[in-house]
Amino acid sequence: MSFTVAIVGRPNVGKSTLFNRLVGKKLALVDDTPGVTRDRRPGEAKLIDLRFTIIDTAGLEQSGPETLQGRMWLQTEAAIDEADITLFVVDAKAGLTPADQTLADMLRKRGRPVVLVANKSEAKGSDGGFYDAFTLGLGEPIPISAEHGQGMIDLRDAIVEAIGEDRAFPPEIDEPETNVDIFHDSEGADVDDEHEPEYDDTKPLRVAIIGRPNAGKSTLINRFLGEDRLLTGPEAGITRDSISVEWDWRGRTIKMYDTAGMRKKARVQEKLEKLSVADSLRSIRFAELVVIVFDATIPFEKQDLQLVDLVMREGRAAVIAFNKWDLVEDTQAVLADLREKTERLLPQARGIRAVPISGQTGYGLDKLMQSVIDTDKVWNKRISTAKLNRWLETQQIQHPPPAVSGRRLKLKYMTQVKARPPGFMISCTRPDSVPESYIRFLTNSMRKDFDIPGVPIRIHLKASENPFSNRGKRR
């Protein structure tokens, strides 16, 4: 990207709507409630022929630095300092307020390029607010409608004038061509089924951090980054948007997604919280691995168990992090109790890795990341067909399938059809008659014999084809 743009303004002037318009996706949550956005959210924007990084920010609210609104404004100031140019958005329909004047004075003192944007200019009676914006002393306002996409060409011209054409249109750099292996499947399939591909430890890894409200998810990510990138505090439910951040761990790029805390479904009544939970669910589906943060002082609440079950049903790899370990007194006894409960209460995730950590002090974070990498290796694992069929034959000798209606079931052939998560197909007689208990037995045996702990395993049954089924039709 050639330059960075920050969107600022008081609450409910349409900053997130403009952000979504420029990135071309509904990334930021939008609602009529003022103050929806809290953390600063970056995105890749496209405006006509311009390409740049854009940052959505929280609205300015006058409050002390120790309050939630004060901490939100510190995040906005960090975005302004990071950006090359600022889009100052005012509400042309509602007119100017003292908060607009305060923000204009602050931007003027910083001496950075500013483009004044009068949003909601399509509304009836917006002319008065548009002309009032001239009194801010930041030049001529650009009338736009972020909701309907009006005025985008004028906004583009104003940005180019403010930043300069050299920064707006940097010279293109010819990138060397790379050889693409068109035979490599994105799910991890390999041309040679007998070959078990090695794990690629250079590929960027997408990790989602989920958990109940106030479990310490944002604090954990801030500790990884070594800075107060995400808004934190004692209040429950601070995070609303799913914010992505990138950092390197031992030379590997990690893209982490901070998500809103998810309560029991019956307790989620407000529209805004429903939007936040839906955003968190999208992050889970987009991620490769999910870290489920438990509060070590009150672990294994019903919602914790449901979150683990959700991740497993979505087919994601999972690691449990017992956060707030610095508040635990008898660590050895508590750790033994947590291990016992993990095995007993999470049979669908048998062998899942669980690590005690402290996002506040940094305890156990390296061990957590190592568990994340090890679990991702298992999630990408592939097993050759020859090994699978030798294993299947051994299982049927030691534990034969049950007889149904007096006839023994036969499992003839097995192969791995996909990875991420590992999925297998078994060709057998009467697949509809194979009991679920025997499939669970095969799944648990595979976890043990092939070392596949803590990730979902999919086993599909398929009826074997009869080579003589079409002979009568030909006659």
Protein backbone atom coordinates (compact mmCIF):
# COMPACT_ATOMS: atom_id res chain seq x y z
CA MET A 1 0.00 0.00 0.00
CA SER A 2 1.23 3.49 -0.82
CA PHE A 3 -0.03 5.39 2.23
CA THR A 4 -2.26 5.12 5.31
CA VAL A 5 -5.50 6.98 6.01
CA ALA A 6 -7.27 7.27 9.39
CA ILE A 7 -11.00 8.01 9.66
CA VAL A 8 -11.86 10.11 12.74
CA GLY A 9 -14.89 11.97 14.03
CA ARG A 10 -17.38 12.00 16.86
CA PRO A 11 -19.67 8.97 17.42
CA ASN A 12 -22.38 8.07 14.92
CA VAL A 13 -21.27 10.29 12.02
CA GLY A 14 -20.80 7.31 9.66
CA LYS A 15 -17.10 6.45 10.00
CA SER A 16 -17.60 2.68 9.90
CA THR A 17 -20.05 2.99 7.00
CA LEU A 18 -17.42 4.93 5.05
CA PHE A 19 -14.80 2.36 6.03
CA ASN A 20 -16.95 -0.50 4.69
CA ARG A 21 -17.61 1.49 1.51
CA LEU A 22 -13.88 1.98 0.86
CA VAL A 23 -12.80 -1.61 1.62
CA GLY A 24 -15.72 -3.00 -0.38
CA LYS A 25 -16.85 -5.35 2.40
CA LYS A 26 -18.94 -5.13 5.55
CA LEU A 27 -15.97 -5.64 7.84
CA ALA A 28 -16.85 -3.10 10.54
CA LEU A 29 -20.03 -3.42 12.58
CA VAL A 30 -22.57 -0.68 11.80
CA ASP A 31 -25.51 0.22 14.02
CA ASP A 32 -27.55 3.28 14.94
CA THR A 33 -26.18 3.06 18.49
CA PRO A 34 -23.40 5.64 19.04
CA GLY A 35 -19.97 4.28 19.96
CA VAL A 36 -20.17 0.87 18.24
CA THR A 37 -16.51 0.96 17.13
CA ARG A 38 -13.99 0.76 19.98
CA ASP A 39 -10.73 -0.67 18.66
CA ARG A 40 -8.93 0.67 15.61
CA ARG A 41 -9.49 -1.60 12.62
CA PRO A 42 -7.22 -1.54 9.53
CA GLY A 43 -8.29 -2.54 6.03
CA GLU A 44 -7.17 -2.42 2.40
CA ALA A 45 -9.12 0.31 0.62
CA LYS A 46 -9.85 0.98 -3.03
CA LEU A 47 -11.16 4.35 -4.21
CA ILE A 48 -11.41 4.66 -8.00
CA ASP A 49 -7.72 4.25 -8.93
CA LEU A 50 -6.28 4.74 -5.42
CA ARG A 51 -5.01 1.89 -3.25
CA PHE A 52 -4.20 2.56 0.41
CA THR A 53 -4.51 1.28 3.96
CA ILE A 54 -7.43 2.71 5.91
CA ILE A 55 -8.02 2.65 9.68
CA ASP A 56 -11.46 2.84 11.28
CA THR A 57 -11.43 4.42 14.76
CA ALA A 58 -13.65 5.07 17.76
CA GLY A 59 -15.54 8.35 18.01
CA LEU A 60 -14.30 11.21 20.18
CA GLU A 61 -15.99 11.39 23.58
CA GLN A 62 -14.79 13.79 26.25
CA SER A 63 -13.85 11.69 29.30
CA GLY A 64 -10.99 10.92 31.67
CA PRO A 65 -8.10 8.66 30.57
CA GLU A 66 -9.03 6.00 33.15
CA THR A 67 -12.54 5.51 31.70
CA LEU A 68 -13.50 3.25 28.79
CA GLN A 69 -14.17 6.27 26.55
CA GLY A 70 -10.78 7.71 27.47
CA ARG A 71 -9.00 4.48 26.57
CA MET A 72 -10.93 4.35 23.30
CA TRP A 73 -9.68 7.84 22.43
CA LEU A 74 -6.08 6.79 23.10
CA GLN A 75 -6.57 4.12 20.42
CA THR A 76 -7.83 6.79 18.02
CA GLU A 77 -4.83 9.03 18.74
CA ALA A 78 -2.51 6.11 17.99
CA ALA A 79 -4.25 5.66 14.61
CA ILE A 80 -3.85 9.37 13.81
CA ASP A 81 -0.12 9.21 14.62
CA GLU A 82 0.25 6.10 12.47
CA ALA A 83 -1.57 7.54 9.43
CA ASP A 84 -0.18 9.81 6.71
CA ILE A 85 -3.51 11.59 6.20
CA THR A 86 -6.72 11.93 8.23
CA LEU A 87 -10.31 11.92 7.01
CA PHE A 88 -12.24 14.09 9.48
CA VAL A 89 -15.92 13.08 9.15
CA VAL A 90 -18.71 15.38 10.32
CA ASP A 91 -22.47 14.88 10.17
CA ALA A 92 -23.94 17.38 7.68
CA LYS A 93 -27.46 16.39 8.66
CA ALA A 94 -27.08 16.97 12.40
CA GLY A 95 -24.66 19.89 12.12
CA LEU A 96 -21.54 20.68 14.16
CA THR A 97 -21.10 20.05 17.88
CA PRO A 98 -18.45 21.16 20.42
CA ALA A 99 -16.82 17.73 19.99
CA ASP A 100 -16.25 18.49 16.30
CA GLN A 101 -14.55 21.78 17.19
CA THR A 102 -12.36 20.07 19.80
CA LEU A 103 -11.26 17.41 17.33
CA ALA A 104 -10.58 20.02 14.64
CA ASP A 105 -8.32 21.97 17.02
CA MET A 106 -6.42 18.81 17.90
CA LEU A 107 -5.90 17.84 14.24
CA ARG A 108 -4.78 21.36 13.35
CA LYS A 109 -2.09 21.30 16.08
CA ARG A 110 -0.67 17.99 14.82
CA GLY A 111 0.09 19.50 11.42
CA ARG A 112 -0.83 16.39 9.42
CA PRO A 113 -2.78 16.56 6.13
CA VAL A 114 -6.54 16.54 6.84
CA VAL A 115 -9.48 16.09 4.46
CA LEU A 116 -12.77 17.38 5.87
CA VAL A 117 -15.68 15.10 4.91
CA ALA A 118 -19.34 16.12 5.33
CA ASN A 119 -21.22 12.80 5.46
CA LYS A 120 -24.99 12.30 5.09
CA SER A 121 -25.10 15.18 2.60
CA GLU A 122 -27.88 13.46 0.67
CA ALA A 123 -30.33 14.08 3.54
CA LYS A 124 -32.90 16.81 3.40
CA GLY A 125 -31.79 19.88 5.34
CA SER A 126 -28.08 19.00 5.25
CA ASP A 127 -27.02 22.25 3.54
CA GLY A 128 -26.80 24.11 6.87
CA GLY A 129 -24.45 21.56 8.38
CA PHE A 130 -22.34 21.49 5.22
CA TYR A 131 -21.76 25.25 5.26
CA ASP A 132 -21.13 25.24 9.03
CA ALA A 133 -18.19 22.87 8.41
CA PHE A 134 -16.28 25.76 6.79
CA THR A 135 -15.98 27.33 10.28
CA LEU A 136 -13.70 24.50 11.42
CA GLY A 137 -10.83 26.08 9.45
CA LEU A 138 -9.79 22.84 7.72
CA GLY A 139 -10.60 23.86 4.18
CA GLU A 140 -13.58 23.10 1.99
CA PRO A 141 -15.61 20.07 3.14
CA ILE A 142 -16.26 17.24 0.70
CA PRO A 143 -19.99 16.38 0.60
CA ILE A 144 -20.52 12.60 0.44
CA SER A 145 -22.99 9.89 1.32
CA ALA A 146 -21.13 6.85 2.65
CA GLU A 147 -24.37 4.87 2.72
CA HIS A 148 -25.20 5.45 -0.95
CA GLY A 149 -21.69 5.96 -2.38
CA GLN A 150 -22.20 9.55 -3.50
CA GLY A 151 -19.29 11.98 -3.74
CA MET A 152 -16.56 9.31 -3.96
CA ILE A 153 -14.89 10.95 -6.98
CA ASP A 154 -14.60 14.28 -5.15
CA LEU A 155 -13.21 12.45 -2.12
CA ARG A 156 -10.63 10.76 -4.29
CA ASP A 157 -9.49 14.09 -5.77
CA ALA A 158 -9.25 15.66 -2.29
CA ILE A 159 -7.09 12.79 -1.00
CA VAL A 160 -4.74 13.02 -3.99
CA GLU A 161 -4.39 16.78 -3.52
CA ALA A 162 -3.68 16.42 0.20
CA ILE A 163 -1.18 13.56 -0.01
CA GLY A 164 0.45 14.49 -3.33
CA GLU A 165 0.48 12.52 -6.57
CA ASP A 166 3.91 11.02 -5.85
CA ARG A 167 2.58 9.33 -2.69
CA ALA A 168 -0.83 8.58 -4.15
CA PHE A 169 0.56 6.84 -7.25
CA PRO A 170 3.96 5.29 -6.41
CA PRO A 171 5.90 3.65 -9.26
CA GLU A 172 5.07 -0.01 -9.76
CA ILE A 173 7.75 -2.54 -8.91
CA ASP A 174 8.03 -5.54 -11.19
CA GLU A 175 7.84 -8.67 -9.07
CA PRO A 176 9.67 -11.80 -10.22
CA GLU A 177 7.45 -14.55 -11.52
CA THR A 178 6.99 -17.52 -9.24
CA ASN A 179 6.42 -21.08 -10.36
CA VAL A 180 2.98 -22.18 -9.23
CA ASP A 181 2.32 -25.87 -8.70
CA ILE A 182 -1.07 -26.29 -10.31
CA PHE A 183 -1.23 -29.89 -9.11
CA HIS A 184 -1.17 -28.93 -5.43
CA ASP A 185 -4.62 -28.88 -3.84
CA SER A 186 -5.51 -26.19 -1.27
CA GLU A 187 -6.89 -28.81 1.11
CA GLY A 188 -3.52 -30.51 1.29
CA ALA A 189 -4.13 -33.29 -1.28
CA ASP A 190 -1.09 -34.69 -3.02
CA VAL A 191 -0.66 -36.13 -6.50
CA ASP A 192 1.08 -39.22 -5.14
CA ASP A 193 -1.27 -40.71 -2.54
CA GLU A 194 1.50 -42.86 -1.05
CA HIS A 195 3.58 -39.78 -0.30
CA GLU A 196 2.95 -38.03 3.02
CA PRO A 197 3.88 -34.36 2.41
CA GLU A 198 5.99 -32.51 4.93
CA TYR A 199 4.51 -29.73 7.02
CA ASP A 200 5.17 -26.24 5.64
CA ASP A 201 6.34 -24.23 8.65
CA THR A 202 6.85 -21.05 6.59
CA LYS A 203 3.21 -20.56 5.60
CA PRO A 204 1.37 -17.79 7.51
CA LEU A 205 -0.99 -19.14 10.17
CA ARG A 206 -4.45 -17.72 10.94
CA VAL A 207 -5.39 -18.03 14.62
CA ALA A 208 -8.69 -16.92 16.19
CA ILE A 209 -8.87 -16.17 19.93
CA ILE A 210 -12.32 -16.88 21.37
CA GLY A 211 -13.86 -17.26 24.81
CA ARG A 212 -16.44 -15.94 27.24
CA PRO A 213 -16.56 -12.19 27.98
CA ASN A 214 -13.75 -10.93 30.21
CA ALA A 215 -11.66 -14.09 29.84
CA GLY A 216 -8.60 -11.99 28.86
CA LYS A 217 -8.50 -12.44 25.07
CA SER A 218 -7.44 -8.89 24.16
CA THR A 219 -4.90 -8.77 27.00
CA LEU A 220 -3.38 -12.01 25.69
CA ILE A 221 -2.94 -10.61 22.17
CA ASN A 222 -1.47 -7.36 23.52
CA ARG A 223 1.10 -9.41 25.43
CA PHE A 224 2.03 -11.28 22.24
CA LEU A 225 2.45 -7.99 20.35
CA GLY A 226 4.28 -6.24 23.17
CA GLU A 227 2.05 -3.15 22.94
CA ASP A 228 -1.44 -1.98 23.88
CA ARG A 229 -2.80 -2.57 20.40
CA LEU A 230 -6.27 -3.69 21.53
CA LEU A 231 -8.60 -2.02 24.00
CA THR A 232 -8.65 -3.76 27.39
CA GLY A 233 -10.11 -3.12 30.82
CA PRO A 234 -12.07 -4.63 33.71
CA GLU A 235 -15.39 -4.12 31.92
CA ALA A 236 -16.88 -7.24 30.31
CA GLY A 237 -17.70 -7.14 26.60
CA ILE A 238 -15.28 -4.37 25.55
CA THR A 239 -14.40 -5.99 22.21
CA ARG A 240 -17.15 -5.81 19.58
CA ASP A 241 -15.49 -6.10 16.18
CA SER A 242 -13.21 -9.00 15.27
CA ILE A 243 -9.83 -7.28 14.88
CA SER A 244 -6.93 -8.93 13.02
CA VAL A 245 -3.29 -8.26 13.89
CA GLU A 246 -0.09 -9.69 12.44
CA TRP A 247 3.18 -10.50 14.20
CA ASP A 248 6.11 -12.90 13.87
CA TRP A 249 6.82 -15.81 16.18
CA ARG A 250 10.21 -17.42 15.61
CA GLY A 251 10.27 -16.26 12.01
CA ARG A 252 6.72 -17.35 11.14
CA THR A 253 3.94 -14.87 10.37
CA ILE A 254 0.96 -15.27 12.71
CA LYS A 255 -2.32 -13.49 11.92
CA MET A 256 -4.45 -13.36 15.07
CA TYR A 257 -8.13 -12.45 15.28
CA ASP A 258 -9.42 -10.93 18.49
CA THR A 259 -13.13 -11.67 18.86
CA ALA A 260 -16.01 -10.51 21.01
CA GLY A 261 -16.83 -12.60 24.05
CA MET A 262 -19.64 -15.06 23.42
CA ARG A 263 -22.27 -15.57 26.11
CA LYS A 264 -25.05 -18.13 26.23
CA LYS A 265 -27.41 -17.75 23.29
CA ALA A 266 -30.39 -17.12 25.57
CA ARG A 267 -28.65 -14.10 27.10
CA VAL A 268 -27.85 -12.46 23.77
CA GLN A 269 -30.81 -10.14 23.24
CA GLU A 270 -29.48 -6.84 21.89
CA LYS A 271 -29.00 -6.45 18.16
CA LEU A 272 -25.44 -5.12 18.57
CA GLU A 273 -24.33 -8.14 20.60
CA LYS A 274 -25.86 -10.45 18.01
CA LEU A 275 -23.80 -8.71 15.32
CA SER A 276 -20.65 -9.09 17.44
CA VAL A 277 -21.26 -12.81 17.98
CA ALA A 278 -21.92 -13.32 14.26
CA ASP A 279 -18.62 -11.57 13.52
CA SER A 280 -16.84 -13.91 15.97
CA LEU A 281 -18.36 -16.96 14.28
CA ARG A 282 -17.08 -15.74 10.91
CA SER A 283 -13.60 -15.43 12.39
CA ILE A 284 -13.76 -19.04 13.59
CA ARG A 285 -14.69 -20.26 10.10
CA PHE A 286 -11.94 -18.16 8.50
CA ALA A 287 -9.20 -19.23 10.92
CA GLU A 288 -7.11 -22.38 10.67
CA LEU A 289 -6.63 -22.81 14.39
CA VAL A 290 -8.69 -21.54 17.34
CA VAL A 291 -7.37 -20.78 20.81
CA ILE A 292 -10.23 -21.10 23.32
CA VAL A 293 -9.45 -18.96 26.37
CA PHE A 294 -10.77 -20.29 29.70
CA ASP A 295 -10.75 -18.28 32.90
CA ALA A 296 -8.61 -20.49 35.17
CA THR A 297 -10.40 -19.17 38.26
CA ILE A 298 -13.83 -20.30 36.97
CA PRO A 299 -13.12 -22.87 34.22
CA PHE A 300 -15.41 -25.31 32.44
CA GLU A 301 -18.55 -23.26 32.54
CA LYS A 302 -21.26 -24.62 30.23
CA GLN A 303 -20.45 -21.92 27.67
CA ASP A 304 -16.78 -23.00 27.63
CA LEU A 305 -17.78 -26.55 26.73
CA GLN A 306 -20.16 -25.33 24.04
CA LEU A 307 -17.43 -23.20 22.47
CA VAL A 308 -15.10 -26.21 22.24
CA ASP A 309 -17.90 -28.26 20.70
CA LEU A 310 -18.61 -25.45 18.22
CA VAL A 311 -14.98 -25.33 17.09
CA MET A 312 -14.83 -29.09 16.64
CA ARG A 313 -18.08 -29.14 14.63
CA GLU A 314 -16.68 -26.40 12.39
CA GLY A 315 -13.68 -28.62 11.70
CA ARG A 316 -11.08 -26.24 13.13
CA ALA A 317 -8.03 -27.26 15.13
CA ALA A 318 -8.25 -26.13 18.76
CA VAL A 319 -6.03 -25.39 21.75
CA ILE A 320 -7.27 -24.49 25.24
CA ALA A 321 -5.54 -21.68 27.15
CA PHE A 322 -6.23 -21.51 30.89
CA ASN A 323 -5.73 -17.78 31.37
CA LYS A 324 -5.24 -15.78 34.60
CA TRP A 325 -2.88 -18.43 35.95
CA ASP A 326 -1.22 -15.74 38.07
CA LEU A 327 -4.39 -15.68 40.21
CA VAL A 328 -4.24 -19.42 40.98
CA GLU A 329 -2.76 -20.30 44.36
CA ASP A 330 -2.27 -24.09 44.52
CA THR A 331 -1.09 -24.49 40.93
CA GLN A 332 -0.20 -28.21 41.05
CA ALA A 333 -3.56 -29.30 42.47
CA VAL A 334 -5.51 -27.02 40.12
CA LEU A 335 -3.52 -28.21 37.10
CA ALA A 336 -4.22 -31.87 37.91
CA ASP A 337 -7.91 -31.08 38.33
CA LEU A 338 -8.04 -29.22 35.00
CA ARG A 339 -6.39 -32.11 33.17
CA GLU A 340 -8.89 -34.58 34.61
CA LYS A 341 -11.85 -32.40 33.67
CA THR A 342 -10.48 -31.81 30.17
CA GLU A 343 -10.39 -35.55 29.47
CA ARG A 344 -13.76 -36.22 31.11
CA LEU A 345 -15.82 -33.28 29.84
CA LEU A 346 -14.45 -33.05 26.30
CA PRO A 347 -14.55 -36.58 24.86
CA GLN A 348 -15.12 -35.21 21.33
CA ALA A 349 -11.75 -33.44 21.55
CA ARG A 350 -9.77 -36.23 23.17
CA GLY A 351 -6.10 -35.32 23.48
CA ILE A 352 -6.68 -31.59 22.99
CA ARG A 353 -3.70 -29.54 24.12
CA ALA A 354 -4.36 -27.34 27.17
CA VAL A 355 -1.80 -24.80 28.43
CA PRO A 356 -1.87 -22.66 31.61
CA ILE A 357 -0.98 -19.05 30.76
CA SER A 358 -1.17 -15.49 32.05
CA GLY A 359 -1.83 -12.75 29.53
CA GLN A 360 -1.08 -10.20 32.25
CA THR A 361 2.44 -11.45 33.08
CA GLY A 362 3.36 -13.36 29.91
CA TYR A 363 3.66 -16.73 31.63
CA GLY A 364 3.32 -19.75 29.32
CA LEU A 365 2.94 -17.85 26.04
CA ASP A 366 5.82 -19.62 24.27
CA LYS A 367 4.43 -22.98 25.32
CA LEU A 368 0.99 -21.93 24.05
CA MET A 369 2.37 -20.97 20.64
CA GLN A 370 4.32 -24.22 20.40
CA SER A 371 1.09 -26.10 21.13
CA VAL A 372 -0.62 -24.06 18.39
CA ILE A 373 2.05 -25.07 15.85
CA ASP A 374 2.00 -28.73 16.93
CA THR A 375 -1.80 -28.87 16.68
CA ASP A 376 -1.73 -27.25 13.23
CA LYS A 377 0.68 -29.97 12.10
CA VAL A 378 -1.81 -32.62 13.21
CA TRP A 379 -4.66 -30.75 11.49
CA ASN A 380 -2.70 -30.84 8.20
CA LYS A 381 -1.64 -34.48 8.62
CA ARG A 382 -1.96 -36.96 5.75
CA ILE A 383 -1.65 -40.74 6.00
CA SER A 384 -0.85 -43.00 3.06
CA THR A 385 -3.51 -45.38 1.78
CA ALA A 386 -1.29 -48.42 2.34
CA LYS A 387 -0.91 -47.64 6.05
CA LEU A 388 -4.63 -47.00 6.43
CA ASN A 389 -5.64 -50.31 4.85
CA ARG A 390 -3.15 -52.30 6.94
CA TRP A 391 -4.53 -50.57 10.01
CA LEU A 392 -8.16 -51.21 8.96
CA GLU A 393 -7.46 -54.90 8.44
CA THR A 394 -5.87 -55.16 11.89
CA GLN A 395 -8.82 -53.41 13.53
CA GLN A 396 -11.32 -55.79 11.92
CA ILE A 397 -9.35 -58.80 13.13
CA GLN A 398 -9.09 -57.54 16.70
CA HIS A 399 -12.53 -55.90 16.87
CA PRO A 400 -14.80 -57.18 14.06
CA PRO A 401 -17.74 -55.02 13.00
CA PRO A 402 -21.06 -56.15 14.48
CA ALA A 403 -23.47 -58.40 12.63
CA VAL A 404 -26.68 -56.72 11.46
CA SER A 405 -29.71 -58.89 10.64
CA GLY A 406 -27.52 -61.95 10.87
CA ARG A 407 -24.99 -60.74 8.30
CA ARG A 408 -21.51 -59.50 9.15
CA LEU A 409 -20.53 -56.03 7.93
CA LYS A 410 -17.38 -55.85 5.83
CA LEU A 411 -15.05 -52.83 5.67
CA LYS A 412 -13.13 -53.33 2.42
CA TYR A 413 -11.04 -50.28 1.68
CA MET A 414 -9.94 -47.00 3.35
CA THR A 415 -8.27 -43.86 2.07
CA GLN A 416 -7.78 -40.26 3.20
CA VAL A 417 -9.78 -37.91 0.99
CA LYS A 418 -8.76 -34.58 2.58
CA ALA A 419 -6.87 -32.86 5.35
CA ARG A 420 -7.68 -29.72 7.38
CA PRO A 421 -9.31 -31.53 9.20
CA PRO A 422 -8.33 -35.13 8.38
CA GLY A 423 -11.16 -36.82 6.49
CA PHE A 424 -11.32 -40.49 5.53
CA MET A 425 -13.53 -42.63 3.31
CA ILE A 426 -14.26 -46.32 4.01
CA SER A 427 -15.77 -48.51 1.33
CA CYS A 428 -18.02 -51.08 2.99
CA THR A 429 -21.15 -53.19 2.65
CA ARG A 430 -24.39 -51.59 3.87
CA PRO A 431 -22.93 -48.27 5.12
CA ASP A 432 -26.30 -47.20 6.57
CA SER A 433 -26.22 -50.17 8.93
CA VAL A 434 -22.82 -49.43 10.52
CA PRO A 435 -23.57 -48.29 14.10
CA GLU A 436 -22.29 -44.96 15.39
CA SER A 437 -20.56 -46.76 18.25
CA TYR A 438 -18.27 -48.59 15.83
CA ILE A 439 -17.44 -45.36 14.00
CA ARG A 440 -16.53 -43.77 17.34
CA PHE A 441 -14.34 -46.81 18.09
CA LEU A 442 -12.50 -46.36 14.79
CA THR A 443 -12.10 -42.63 15.42
CA ASN A 444 -10.62 -43.12 18.90
CA SER A 445 -8.34 -45.87 17.62
CA MET A 446 -7.07 -43.61 14.85
CA ARG A 447 -6.28 -40.86 17.37
CA LYS A 448 -4.15 -43.29 19.34
CA ASP A 449 -2.48 -45.31 16.55
CA PHE A 450 -1.73 -42.42 14.17
CA ASP A 451 -1.15 -39.74 16.83
CA ILE A 452 -4.03 -37.39 15.87
CA PRO A 453 -4.95 -35.75 19.20
CA GLY A 454 -7.32 -32.85 19.70
CA VAL A 455 -8.50 -32.25 16.12
CA PRO A 456 -11.75 -33.31 14.41
CA ILE A 457 -11.65 -36.57 12.46
CA ARG A 458 -14.22 -37.14 9.73
CA ILE A 459 -15.00 -40.73 8.68
CA HIS A 460 -17.41 -41.21 5.77
CA LEU A 461 -18.83 -44.58 4.73
CA LYS A 462 -19.49 -45.46 1.12
CA ALA A 463 -21.10 -48.52 -0.45
CA SER A 464 -18.69 -50.52 -2.56
CA GLU A 465 -19.55 -50.69 -6.23
CA ASN A 466 -20.74 -53.98 -7.75
CA PRO A 467 -18.82 -54.58 -10.99
CA PHE A 468 -21.68 -56.75 -12.33
CA SER A 469 -24.51 -54.32 -11.56
CA ASN A 470 -24.79 -53.09 -15.16
CA ARG A 471 -24.59 -56.50 -16.87
CA GLY A 472 -28.35 -57.08 -16.82
CA LYS A 473 -29.06 -53.61 -18.20
CA ARG A 474 -26.78 -54.19 -21.18
CA ARG A 475 -28.66 -57.39 -22.05
